[in-house]
Protein backbone atom coordinates (compact mmCIF):
# COMPACT_ATOMS: atom_id res chain seq x y z
CA MET A 1 144.59 123.23 153.24
CA ARG A 2 141.07 121.85 153.98
CA SER A 3 141.77 118.82 151.86
CA LEU A 4 145.15 118.19 153.61
CA LEU A 5 143.44 118.45 157.04
CA PHE A 6 140.81 116.03 155.83
CA CYS A 7 143.42 113.52 154.61
CA LEU A 8 145.34 113.68 157.89
CA GLY A 9 142.18 113.21 159.84
CA LEU A 10 141.15 110.24 157.71
CA GLY A 11 144.61 108.72 158.08
CA ALA A 12 144.40 109.01 161.89
CA LEU A 13 140.91 107.47 161.73
CA LEU A 14 142.19 104.49 159.85
CA GLY A 15 145.22 104.08 162.13
CA PHE A 16 147.86 105.05 159.58
CA LEU A 17 150.27 107.98 159.94
CA PRO A 18 152.52 109.16 157.19
CA ALA A 19 156.04 107.75 157.67
CA THR A 20 157.26 111.31 157.41
CA ALA A 21 155.25 112.41 160.48
CA SER A 22 157.43 114.06 163.13
CA ALA A 23 158.29 112.41 166.42
CA ALA A 24 156.15 114.99 168.20
CA ASP A 25 153.13 113.97 165.96
CA SER A 26 153.54 110.24 166.45
CA LYS A 27 154.96 110.48 170.01
CA GLU A 28 157.85 108.24 168.93
CA THR A 29 160.62 108.04 166.40
CA PRO A 30 158.95 107.75 162.96
CA PHE A 31 159.55 104.69 160.83
CA PHE A 32 161.03 106.86 158.07
CA ASN A 33 161.30 110.69 158.52
CA GLY A 34 161.43 111.65 154.80
CA LYS A 35 164.44 113.83 155.39
CA ASN A 36 167.37 111.51 155.91
CA THR A 37 168.19 107.93 156.86
CA ASP A 38 168.25 108.45 160.65
CA GLY A 39 167.13 105.25 162.34
CA TRP A 40 168.53 103.20 159.46
CA GLU A 41 171.94 101.71 158.55
CA GLY A 42 173.62 100.62 155.36
CA LEU A 43 176.16 101.54 152.79
CA GLY A 44 175.51 105.28 152.60
CA GLU A 45 176.98 105.88 149.18
CA TYR A 46 174.07 103.97 147.68
CA TRP A 47 171.13 105.55 149.51
CA SER A 48 169.69 109.11 149.58
CA VAL A 49 166.52 110.86 150.42
CA LYS A 50 165.06 113.22 147.71
CA ASP A 51 161.75 115.08 147.91
CA GLY A 52 160.64 112.91 150.84
CA ALA A 53 161.40 109.65 148.98
CA LEU A 54 164.01 107.04 149.65
CA VAL A 55 166.25 106.44 146.58
CA GLY A 56 168.70 103.64 146.06
CA ASN A 57 171.18 103.90 143.14
CA THR A 58 174.00 101.40 142.45
CA LYS A 59 175.82 103.90 140.10
CA ASP A 60 178.39 101.59 138.61
CA GLY A 61 176.56 98.41 139.52
CA LEU A 62 177.14 95.95 142.47
CA LYS A 63 178.80 92.66 142.93
CA PHE A 64 176.69 91.86 146.04
CA ASN A 65 173.21 92.45 147.40
CA THR A 66 173.02 95.21 149.93
CA PHE A 67 170.26 96.68 152.12
CA LEU A 68 169.26 99.73 154.02
CA CYS A 69 168.27 98.26 157.42
CA SER A 70 166.04 99.51 160.17
CA LYS A 71 167.84 99.79 163.51
CA LYS A 72 164.64 98.73 165.19
CA GLN A 73 163.03 95.24 165.06
CA TYR A 74 159.35 94.75 164.37
CA THR A 75 156.79 91.89 164.79
CA ASP A 76 153.29 92.57 163.40
CA PHE A 77 152.86 95.50 161.03
CA GLU A 78 151.45 96.96 157.83
CA LEU A 79 153.68 98.82 155.38
CA ARG A 80 152.41 100.72 152.38
CA PHE A 81 154.46 102.66 149.80
CA LYS A 82 154.81 103.38 146.06
CA VAL A 83 157.87 101.88 144.34
CA ARG A 84 159.48 102.26 140.94
CA LEU A 85 162.43 100.57 139.30
CA LYS A 86 163.71 103.18 136.90
CA GLY A 87 163.42 102.05 133.29
CA GLY A 88 162.00 98.70 134.63
CA ILE A 89 165.62 97.72 135.24
CA GLY A 90 166.97 95.77 138.24
CA ASN A 91 165.58 94.05 141.20
CA SER A 92 164.66 95.21 144.72
CA GLY A 93 162.61 94.12 147.62
CA VAL A 94 161.69 94.69 151.26
CA GLN A 95 162.87 92.34 153.96
CA ILE A 96 160.60 91.60 156.87
CA ARG A 97 161.42 90.04 160.20
CA SER A 98 165.06 89.62 159.03
CA GLU A 99 168.59 89.93 160.42
CA ILE A 100 171.79 91.35 159.14
CA ALA A 101 174.03 88.50 157.94
CA ASN A 102 177.07 90.51 156.95
CA PRO A 103 177.57 93.98 158.58
CA LYS A 104 180.33 94.87 156.02
CA THR A 105 178.16 94.64 152.95
CA PHE A 106 174.82 94.90 154.83
CA ALA A 107 173.73 91.56 153.48
CA VAL A 108 170.44 90.41 155.04
CA LYS A 109 168.90 87.08 155.88
CA GLY A 110 165.15 86.41 156.01
CA PRO A 111 161.87 86.73 154.11
CA GLN A 112 161.70 89.30 151.26
CA CYS A 113 158.67 90.90 149.55
CA ASP A 114 160.13 90.94 146.04
CA MET A 115 160.17 93.53 143.22
CA GLY A 116 161.50 93.09 139.70
CA GLN A 117 160.94 90.99 136.58
CA GLN A 118 158.61 88.04 137.15
CA TYR A 119 159.22 88.17 140.88
CA TRP A 120 157.02 91.17 141.69
CA GLY A 121 154.96 90.43 144.72
CA SER A 122 156.58 87.07 145.57
CA LEU A 123 157.77 86.13 149.07
CA TYR A 124 161.44 85.03 148.71
CA GLY A 125 163.80 83.76 151.41
CA GLU A 126 166.99 85.86 151.09
CA LEU A 127 169.76 83.54 152.34
CA PHE A 128 166.72 81.85 153.86
CA GLY A 129 166.02 78.86 151.60
CA GLY A 130 164.88 80.58 148.38
CA MET A 131 161.34 81.02 147.14
CA MET A 132 158.67 80.79 149.80
CA GLN A 133 155.71 81.58 147.54
CA ALA A 134 155.87 82.90 143.98
CA SER A 135 153.25 85.28 142.68
CA LYS A 136 151.42 84.17 139.61
CA ALA A 137 153.03 85.20 136.32
CA ASP A 138 149.71 86.26 134.71
CA MET A 139 149.05 88.52 137.70
CA VAL A 140 152.44 90.14 137.43
CA LYS A 141 152.00 90.73 133.68
CA LYS A 142 148.48 92.09 134.07
CA PHE A 143 148.79 94.36 137.15
CA VAL A 144 152.41 95.48 137.48
CA LYS A 145 153.50 98.70 135.79
CA THR A 146 157.02 98.02 134.52
CA ASP A 147 158.39 101.63 134.38
CA ASP A 148 156.13 103.50 136.74
CA PHE A 149 155.28 103.62 140.43
CA ASN A 150 153.34 100.62 141.84
CA ASP A 151 151.34 100.63 145.04
CA TYR A 152 152.85 98.01 147.32
CA HIS A 153 151.17 96.81 150.51
CA ILE A 154 152.65 94.40 153.04
CA ARG A 155 150.83 93.05 155.99
CA CYS A 156 152.53 90.72 158.51
CA VAL A 157 150.70 89.24 161.42
CA GLY A 158 151.71 86.16 163.28
CA LYS A 159 152.78 83.68 160.68
CA LYS A 160 150.66 85.16 157.89
CA VAL A 161 151.95 87.45 155.15
CA THR A 162 149.84 89.30 152.61
CA ILE A 163 151.37 91.17 149.66
CA LYS A 164 149.25 93.37 147.40
CA ILE A 165 150.37 95.31 144.30
CA ASN A 166 148.04 98.03 142.92
CA GLY A 167 145.27 96.54 145.07
CA GLU A 168 145.67 92.98 143.80
CA THR A 169 146.69 90.18 146.18
CA MET A 170 149.83 88.44 145.01
CA VAL A 171 150.60 86.46 148.13
CA ASP A 172 148.33 85.59 151.05
CA GLY A 173 149.42 82.67 153.20
CA THR A 174 150.80 81.27 156.43
CA PHE A 175 154.47 80.48 156.59
CA GLU A 176 155.60 78.39 159.57
CA LYS A 177 159.25 79.29 159.12
CA LEU A 178 158.53 83.00 159.39
CA PRO A 179 160.66 84.46 162.24
CA PRO A 180 158.76 85.97 165.13
CA TYR A 181 160.48 89.37 164.80
CA GLY A 182 163.29 91.08 163.03
CA ILE A 183 164.36 94.20 161.06
CA ILE A 184 162.78 95.66 157.95
CA ALA A 185 165.23 96.41 155.06
CA PHE A 186 165.13 97.86 151.55
CA GLN A 187 167.19 96.06 148.88
CA LEU A 188 169.62 96.95 146.06
CA HIS A 189 170.35 93.82 144.08
CA ALA A 190 173.68 92.78 142.63
CA GLY A 191 174.16 93.43 138.91
CA PRO A 192 174.24 96.30 136.40
CA PRO A 193 173.49 99.84 137.52
CA MET A 194 169.87 100.41 138.80
CA GLU A 195 167.81 102.87 140.63
CA VAL A 196 164.86 102.20 142.84
CA THR A 197 162.59 104.82 144.53
CA PHE A 198 160.26 104.24 147.49
CA LYS A 199 157.85 107.10 148.20
CA ASP A 200 154.63 107.86 150.24
CA ILE A 201 155.83 105.34 152.87
CA GLN A 202 153.26 104.65 155.53
CA PHE A 203 153.83 102.27 158.47
CA LYS A 204 151.48 100.89 161.11
CA ASP A 205 152.70 98.92 164.07
CA LEU A 206 150.14 96.21 164.69
CA SER A 207 151.87 94.83 167.73
CA LYS A 208 150.79 97.78 169.80
CA LYS A 209 147.44 97.61 171.60
């Protein structure tokens, strides 16, 4: 109990709150409540919450990319989580400052912090012009754990995006085409069956002063 109180106190000191904090604790609707997908929208048959983690599973595979999308839009923020592609199979990502392009399939348009194969840690334009900045292949090979959880850190301020995996900087640059605001969304990629798990999600809204 003492260690838990210490961790919560340290998190508050650093400005981070667990994404599973209650509305009463954070004085607003949490980014992700760790219980269900309230505050989010997508194709519900592919998304679930298990043991406080967000799990996406395509079961029989998919013919299109689909996303679980925040109902709220964001500008400047930091987002931290642990992510695993089960068996190292498939591709996922987190959209930032994006928009829903097709509400039937929950296709999304905008910048994506990528996960999977050689694309781990890259910034990719989903329906937004393709690769914005690729991470270095040797960095991906050296620092990414193929079939285990990886610490993933996204910081978006103004036109600058920083992506870190397991503490290593994969992308750190200024992107003039970056939209000023938009939704955040978790991806399930088209293709064979895959499962992605996002856990220990922490969010900090940097637009608030």
